[in-house]
Amino acid sequence: LRVSSLLCVAGVLLALFWREPLAAVVGF
């Protein structure tokens, strides 16, 4: 859970700061 929490944060930040459909899909 500790390691996977970091992945979750990274993914949501990617979707929030790179607002292109493909980037958002990768982030989610």
PDB file of all heavy atoms in Angstrom:
ATOM      1  N   LEU A   1       0.818  -1.214   0.000  1.00  0.00           N
ATOM      2  CA  LEU A   1       0.000   0.000   0.000  1.00  0.00           C
ATOM      3  C   LEU A   1       0.851   1.263   0.000  1.00  0.00           C
ATOM      4  O   LEU A   1       0.489   2.275  -0.607  1.00  0.00           O
ATOM      5  CB  LEU A   1      -0.938   0.000   1.205  1.00  0.00           C
ATOM      6  CG  LEU A   1      -2.019  -1.087   1.220  1.00  0.00           C
ATOM      7  CD1 LEU A   1      -2.943  -0.894   2.412  1.00  0.00           C
ATOM      8  CD2 LEU A   1      -2.822  -1.089  -0.072  1.00  0.00           C
ATOM      9  N   ARG A   2       1.990   1.210   0.651  1.00  0.00           N
ATOM     10  CA  ARG A   2       2.852   2.395   0.697  1.00  0.00           C
ATOM     11  C   ARG A   2       3.385   2.737  -0.701  1.00  0.00           C
ATOM     12  O   ARG A   2       3.358   3.890  -1.126  1.00  0.00           O
ATOM     13  CB  ARG A   2       4.006   2.144   1.667  1.00  0.00           C
ATOM     14  CG  ARG A   2       4.968   3.309   1.788  1.00  0.00           C
ATOM     15  CD  ARG A   2       5.971   3.070   2.894  1.00  0.00           C
ATOM     16  NE  ARG A   2       5.340   3.128   4.210  1.00  0.00           N
ATOM     17  CZ  ARG A   2       5.978   2.878   5.354  1.00  0.00           C
ATOM     18  NH1 ARG A   2       7.246   2.525   5.330  1.00  0.00           N
ATOM     19  NH2 ARG A   2       5.353   2.978   6.505  1.00  0.00           N
ATOM     20  N   VAL A   3       3.874   1.720  -1.414  1.00  0.00           N
ATOM     21  CA  VAL A   3       4.418   1.959  -2.757  1.00  0.00           C
ATOM     22  C   VAL A   3       3.316   2.379  -3.727  1.00  0.00           C
ATOM     23  O   VAL A   3       3.478   3.307  -4.529  1.00  0.00           O
ATOM     24  CB  VAL A   3       5.144   0.699  -3.255  1.00  0.00           C
ATOM     25  CG1 VAL A   3       5.538   0.854  -4.720  1.00  0.00           C
ATOM     26  CG2 VAL A   3       6.372   0.413  -2.408  1.00  0.00           C
ATOM     27  N   SER A   4       2.192   1.691  -3.664  1.00  0.00           N
ATOM     28  CA  SER A   4       1.128   1.976  -4.622  1.00  0.00           C
ATOM     29  C   SER A   4       0.513   3.355  -4.403  1.00  0.00           C
ATOM     30  O   SER A   4      -0.002   3.968  -5.345  1.00  0.00           O
ATOM     31  CB  SER A   4       0.058   0.888  -4.559  1.00  0.00           C
ATOM     32  OG  SER A   4      -0.523   0.814  -3.278  1.00  0.00           O
ATOM     33  N   SER A   5       0.564   3.864  -3.169  1.00  0.00           N
ATOM     34  CA  SER A   5       0.050   5.208  -2.907  1.00  0.00           C
ATOM     35  C   SER A   5       0.797   6.257  -3.738  1.00  0.00           C
ATOM     36  O   SER A   5       0.202   7.220  -4.240  1.00  0.00           O
ATOM     37  CB  SER A   5       0.166   5.542  -1.420  1.00  0.00           C
ATOM     38  OG  SER A   5      -0.645   4.688  -0.642  1.00  0.00           O
ATOM     39  N   LEU A   6       2.109   6.077  -3.877  1.00  0.00           N
ATOM     40  CA  LEU A   6       2.899   7.015  -4.672  1.00  0.00           C
ATOM     41  C   LEU A   6       2.486   6.982  -6.134  1.00  0.00           C
ATOM     42  O   LEU A   6       2.443   8.025  -6.803  1.00  0.00           O
ATOM     43  CB  LEU A   6       4.393   6.688  -4.533  1.00  0.00           C
ATOM     44  CG  LEU A   6       4.982   6.821  -3.127  1.00  0.00           C
ATOM     45  CD1 LEU A   6       6.444   6.373  -3.124  1.00  0.00           C
ATOM     46  CD2 LEU A   6       4.860   8.249  -2.618  1.00  0.00           C
ATOM     47  N   LEU A   7       2.164   5.801  -6.647  1.00  0.00           N
ATOM     48  CA  LEU A   7       1.713   5.689  -8.029  1.00  0.00           C
ATOM     49  C   LEU A   7       0.401   6.439  -8.246  1.00  0.00           C
ATOM     50  O   LEU A   7       0.202   7.094  -9.266  1.00  0.00           O
ATOM     51  CB  LEU A   7       1.523   4.220  -8.414  1.00  0.00           C
ATOM     52  CG  LEU A   7       2.779   3.418  -8.759  1.00  0.00           C
ATOM     53  CD1 LEU A   7       2.403   1.970  -9.028  1.00  0.00           C
ATOM     54  CD2 LEU A   7       3.490   4.018  -9.957  1.00  0.00           C
ATOM     55  N   CYS A   8      -0.493   6.319  -7.283  1.00  0.00           N
ATOM     56  CA  CYS A   8      -1.779   6.993  -7.396  1.00  0.00           C
ATOM     57  C   CYS A   8      -1.600   8.501  -7.467  1.00  0.00           C
ATOM     58  O   CYS A   8      -2.184   9.177  -8.323  1.00  0.00           O
ATOM     59  CB  CYS A   8      -2.672   6.615  -6.217  1.00  0.00           C
ATOM     60  SG  CYS A   8      -4.259   7.474  -6.220  1.00  0.00           S
ATOM     61  N   VAL A   9      -0.780   9.039  -6.586  1.00  0.00           N
ATOM     62  CA  VAL A   9      -0.536  10.485  -6.569  1.00  0.00           C
ATOM     63  C   VAL A   9       0.065  10.940  -7.901  1.00  0.00           C
ATOM     64  O   VAL A   9      -0.370  11.937  -8.495  1.00  0.00           O
ATOM     65  CB  VAL A   9       0.383  10.858  -5.397  1.00  0.00           C
ATOM     66  CG1 VAL A   9       0.826  12.316  -5.491  1.00  0.00           C
ATOM     67  CG2 VAL A   9      -0.325  10.608  -4.071  1.00  0.00           C
ATOM     68  N   ALA A  10       1.051  10.188  -8.389  1.00  0.00           N
ATOM     69  CA  ALA A  10       1.694  10.559  -9.650  1.00  0.00           C
ATOM     70  C   ALA A  10       0.694  10.551 -10.808  1.00  0.00           C
ATOM     71  O   ALA A  10       0.704  11.443 -11.670  1.00  0.00           O
ATOM     72  CB  ALA A  10       2.854   9.601  -9.940  1.00  0.00           C
ATOM     73  N   GLY A  11      -0.173   9.547 -10.836  1.00  0.00           N
ATOM     74  CA  GLY A  11      -1.137   9.447 -11.925  1.00  0.00           C
ATOM     75  C   GLY A  11      -2.137  10.584 -11.952  1.00  0.00           C
ATOM     76  O   GLY A  11      -2.412  11.171 -13.015  1.00  0.00           O
ATOM     77  N   VAL A  12      -2.697  10.918 -10.797  1.00  0.00           N
ATOM     78  CA  VAL A  12      -3.686  11.996 -10.753  1.00  0.00           C
ATOM     79  C   VAL A  12      -3.036  13.335 -11.107  1.00  0.00           C
ATOM     80  O   VAL A  12      -3.620  14.149 -11.840  1.00  0.00           O
ATOM     81  CB  VAL A  12      -4.365  12.054  -9.381  1.00  0.00           C
ATOM     82  CG1 VAL A  12      -5.305  13.249  -9.295  1.00  0.00           C
ATOM     83  CG2 VAL A  12      -5.139  10.772  -9.109  1.00  0.00           C
ATOM     84  N   LEU A  13      -1.821  13.566 -10.623  1.00  0.00           N
ATOM     85  CA  LEU A  13      -1.134  14.811 -10.961  1.00  0.00           C
ATOM     86  C   LEU A  13      -0.873  14.919 -12.462  1.00  0.00           C
ATOM     87  O   LEU A  13      -0.987  16.005 -13.047  1.00  0.00           O
ATOM     88  CB  LEU A  13       0.185  14.912 -10.187  1.00  0.00           C
ATOM     89  CG  LEU A  13       0.050  15.144  -8.680  1.00  0.00           C
ATOM     90  CD1 LEU A  13       1.419  15.167  -8.021  1.00  0.00           C
ATOM     91  CD2 LEU A  13      -0.705  16.434  -8.374  1.00  0.00           C
ATOM     92  N   LEU A  14      -0.531  13.796 -13.099  1.00  0.00           N
ATOM     93  CA  LEU A  14      -0.335  13.805 -14.546  1.00  0.00           C
ATOM     94  C   LEU A  14      -1.623  14.217 -15.268  1.00  0.00           C
ATOM     95  O   LEU A  14      -1.608  15.054 -16.179  1.00  0.00           O
ATOM     96  CB  LEU A  14       0.105  12.418 -15.017  1.00  0.00           C
ATOM     97  CG  LEU A  14       0.224  12.215 -16.541  1.00  0.00           C
ATOM     98  CD1 LEU A  14       1.290  13.148 -17.116  1.00  0.00           C
ATOM     99  CD2 LEU A  14       0.547  10.760 -16.863  1.00  0.00           C
ATOM    100  N   ALA A  15      -2.753  13.632 -14.856  1.00  0.00           N
ATOM    101  CA  ALA A  15      -4.033  13.965 -15.480  1.00  0.00           C
ATOM    102  C   ALA A  15      -4.421  15.425 -15.248  1.00  0.00           C
ATOM    103  O   ALA A  15      -5.032  16.063 -16.112  1.00  0.00           O
ATOM    104  CB  ALA A  15      -5.127  13.035 -14.963  1.00  0.00           C
ATOM    105  N   LEU A  16      -4.066  15.959 -14.083  1.00  0.00           N
ATOM    106  CA  LEU A  16      -4.456  17.328 -13.747  1.00  0.00           C
ATOM    107  C   LEU A  16      -3.616  18.372 -14.472  1.00  0.00           C
ATOM    108  O   LEU A  16      -4.124  19.440 -14.850  1.00  0.00           O
ATOM    109  CB  LEU A  16      -4.350  17.547 -12.237  1.00  0.00           C
ATOM    110  CG  LEU A  16      -5.336  16.775 -11.356  1.00  0.00           C
ATOM    111  CD1 LEU A  16      -5.106  17.092  -9.892  1.00  0.00           C
ATOM    112  CD2 LEU A  16      -6.776  17.097 -11.737  1.00  0.00           C
ATOM    113  N   PHE A  17      -2.327  18.081 -14.665  1.00  0.00           N
ATOM    114  CA  PHE A  17      -1.436  19.104 -15.218  1.00  0.00           C
ATOM    115  C   PHE A  17      -1.190  18.962 -16.719  1.00  0.00           C
ATOM    116  O   PHE A  17      -0.654  19.869 -17.337  1.00  0.00           O
ATOM    117  CB  PHE A  17      -0.098  19.087 -14.471  1.00  0.00           C
ATOM    118  CG  PHE A  17      -0.186  19.655 -13.088  1.00  0.00           C
ATOM    119  CD1 PHE A  17      -0.217  18.828 -11.974  1.00  0.00           C
ATOM    120  CD2 PHE A  17      -0.277  21.034 -12.885  1.00  0.00           C
ATOM    121  CE1 PHE A  17      -0.316  19.350 -10.692  1.00  0.00           C
ATOM    122  CE2 PHE A  17      -0.377  21.563 -11.620  1.00  0.00           C
ATOM    123  CZ  PHE A  17      -0.398  20.728 -10.515  1.00  0.00           C
ATOM    124  N   TRP A  18      -1.551  17.813 -17.317  1.00  0.00           N
ATOM    125  CA  TRP A  18      -1.382  17.634 -18.754  1.00  0.00           C
ATOM    126  C   TRP A  18      -2.758  17.310 -19.330  1.00  0.00           C
ATOM    127  O   TRP A  18      -3.145  16.170 -19.448  1.00  0.00           O
ATOM    128  CB  TRP A  18      -0.389  16.524 -19.045  1.00  0.00           C
ATOM    129  CG  TRP A  18       0.097  16.516 -20.476  1.00  0.00           C
ATOM    130  CD1 TRP A  18      -0.348  17.269 -21.512  1.00  0.00           C
ATOM    131  CD2 TRP A  18       1.135  15.679 -21.003  1.00  0.00           C
ATOM    132  NE1 TRP A  18       0.326  16.968 -22.669  1.00  0.00           N
ATOM    133  CE2 TRP A  18       1.258  16.000 -22.389  1.00  0.00           C
ATOM    134  CE3 TRP A  18       1.967  14.717 -20.453  1.00  0.00           C
ATOM    135  CZ2 TRP A  18       2.174  15.357 -23.216  1.00  0.00           C
ATOM    136  CZ3 TRP A  18       2.885  14.082 -21.277  1.00  0.00           C
ATOM    137  CH2 TRP A  18       2.991  14.409 -22.641  1.00  0.00           C
ATOM    138  N   ARG A  19      -3.484  18.340 -19.704  1.00  0.00           N
ATOM    139  CA  ARG A  19      -4.902  18.190 -20.036  1.00  0.00           C
ATOM    140  C   ARG A  19      -5.124  17.875 -21.511  1.00  0.00           C
ATOM    141  O   ARG A  19      -5.811  18.582 -22.240  1.00  0.00           O
ATOM    142  CB  ARG A  19      -5.671  19.443 -19.611  1.00  0.00           C
ATOM    143  CG  ARG A  19      -5.617  19.655 -18.104  1.00  0.00           C
ATOM    144  CD  ARG A  19      -6.320  20.917 -17.675  1.00  0.00           C
ATOM    145  NE  ARG A  19      -6.141  21.142 -16.253  1.00  0.00           N
ATOM    146  CZ  ARG A  19      -6.608  22.208 -15.592  1.00  0.00           C
ATOM    147  NH1 ARG A  19      -7.316  23.131 -16.247  1.00  0.00           N
ATOM    148  NH2 ARG A  19      -6.387  22.336 -14.308  1.00  0.00           N
ATOM    149  N   GLU A  20      -4.483  16.803 -21.930  1.00  0.00           N
ATOM    150  CA  GLU A  20      -4.716  16.222 -23.241  1.00  0.00           C
ATOM    151  C   GLU A  20      -5.373  14.857 -23.029  1.00  0.00           C
ATOM    152  O   GLU A  20      -5.068  14.174 -22.048  1.00  0.00           O
ATOM    153  CB  GLU A  20      -3.411  16.058 -24.004  1.00  0.00           C
ATOM    154  CG  GLU A  20      -2.728  17.365 -24.362  1.00  0.00           C
ATOM    155  CD  GLU A  20      -3.526  18.156 -25.390  1.00  0.00           C
ATOM    156  OE1 GLU A  20      -4.254  17.521 -26.187  1.00  0.00           O
ATOM    157  OE2 GLU A  20      -3.434  19.403 -25.389  1.00  0.00           O
ATOM    158  N   PRO A  21      -6.266  14.443 -23.926  1.00  0.00           N
ATOM    159  CA  PRO A  21      -6.978  13.178 -23.696  1.00  0.00           C
ATOM    160  C   PRO A  21      -6.065  11.990 -23.406  1.00  0.00           C
ATOM    161  O   PRO A  21      -6.287  11.247 -22.452  1.00  0.00           O
ATOM    162  CB  PRO A  21      -7.767  12.994 -25.000  1.00  0.00           C
ATOM    163  CG  PRO A  21      -8.030  14.382 -25.475  1.00  0.00           C
ATOM    164  CD  PRO A  21      -6.803  15.150 -25.111  1.00  0.00           C
ATOM    165  N   LEU A  22      -5.009  11.814 -24.208  1.00  0.00           N
ATOM    166  CA  LEU A  22      -4.132  10.660 -24.016  1.00  0.00           C
ATOM    167  C   LEU A  22      -3.391  10.737 -22.687  1.00  0.00           C
ATOM    168  O   LEU A  22      -3.279   9.743 -21.958  1.00  0.00           O
ATOM    169  CB  LEU A  22      -3.137  10.553 -25.172  1.00  0.00           C
ATOM    170  CG  LEU A  22      -2.177   9.355 -25.112  1.00  0.00           C
ATOM    171  CD1 LEU A  22      -2.957   8.040 -25.079  1.00  0.00           C
ATOM    172  CD2 LEU A  22      -1.218   9.387 -26.307  1.00  0.00           C
ATOM    173  N   ALA A  23      -2.880  11.924 -22.346  1.00  0.00           N
ATOM    174  CA  ALA A  23      -2.157  12.080 -21.080  1.00  0.00           C
ATOM    175  C   ALA A  23      -3.080  11.839 -19.892  1.00  0.00           C
ATOM    176  O   ALA A  23      -2.689  11.198 -18.900  1.00  0.00           O
ATOM    177  CB  ALA A  23      -1.546  13.476 -21.000  1.00  0.00           C
ATOM    178  N   ALA A  24      -4.296  12.346 -19.973  1.00  0.00           N
ATOM    179  CA  ALA A  24      -5.248  12.137 -18.884  1.00  0.00           C
ATOM    180  C   ALA A  24      -5.587  10.653 -18.734  1.00  0.00           C
ATOM    181  O   ALA A  24      -5.691  10.139 -17.611  1.00  0.00           O
ATOM    182  CB  ALA A  24      -6.516  12.944 -19.139  1.00  0.00           C
ATOM    183  N   VAL A  25      -5.731   9.964 -19.848  1.00  0.00           N
ATOM    184  CA  VAL A  25      -6.024   8.527 -19.805  1.00  0.00           C
ATOM    185  C   VAL A  25      -4.878   7.773 -19.131  1.00  0.00           C
ATOM    186  O   VAL A  25      -5.097   6.899 -18.281  1.00  0.00           O
ATOM    187  CB  VAL A  25      -6.280   7.998 -21.224  1.00  0.00           C
ATOM    188  CG1 VAL A  25      -6.245   6.477 -21.261  1.00  0.00           C
ATOM    189  CG2 VAL A  25      -7.633   8.492 -21.726  1.00  0.00           C
ATOM    190  N   VAL A  26      -3.635   8.093 -19.482  1.00  0.00           N
ATOM    191  CA  VAL A  26      -2.480   7.456 -18.844  1.00  0.00           C
ATOM    192  C   VAL A  26      -2.452   7.759 -17.348  1.00  0.00           C
ATOM    193  O   VAL A  26      -2.182   6.884 -16.513  1.00  0.00           O
ATOM    194  CB  VAL A  26      -1.165   7.913 -19.513  1.00  0.00           C
ATOM    195  CG1 VAL A  26       0.049   7.403 -18.735  1.00  0.00           C
ATOM    196  CG2 VAL A  26      -1.106   7.419 -20.958  1.00  0.00           C
ATOM    197  N   GLY A  27      -2.728   9.000 -16.999  1.00  0.00           N
ATOM    198  CA  GLY A  27      -2.738   9.373 -15.591  1.00  0.00           C
ATOM    199  C   GLY A  27      -3.782   8.622 -14.793  1.00  0.00           C
ATOM    200  O   GLY A  27      -3.508   8.132 -13.693  1.00  0.00           O
ATOM    201  N   PHE A  28      -4.983   8.478 -15.346  1.00  0.00           N
ATOM    202  CA  PHE A  28      -6.025   7.748 -14.632  1.00  0.00           C
ATOM    203  C   PHE A  28      -5.691   6.255 -14.537  1.00  0.00           C
ATOM    204  O   PHE A  28      -6.069   5.589 -13.568  1.00  0.00           O
ATOM    205  CB  PHE A  28      -7.373   7.958 -15.314  1.00  0.00           C
ATOM    206  CG  PHE A  28      -7.939   9.339 -15.113  1.00  0.00           C
ATOM    207  CD1 PHE A  28      -8.431  10.083 -16.183  1.00  0.00           C
ATOM    208  CD2 PHE A  28      -7.971   9.906 -13.846  1.00  0.00           C
ATOM    209  CE1 PHE A  28      -8.951  11.355 -15.991  1.00  0.00           C
ATOM    210  CE2 PHE A  28      -8.483  11.190 -13.637  1.00  0.00           C
ATOM    211  CZ  PHE A  28      -8.972  11.910 -14.716  1.00  0.00           C
TER     212      PHE A  28
END
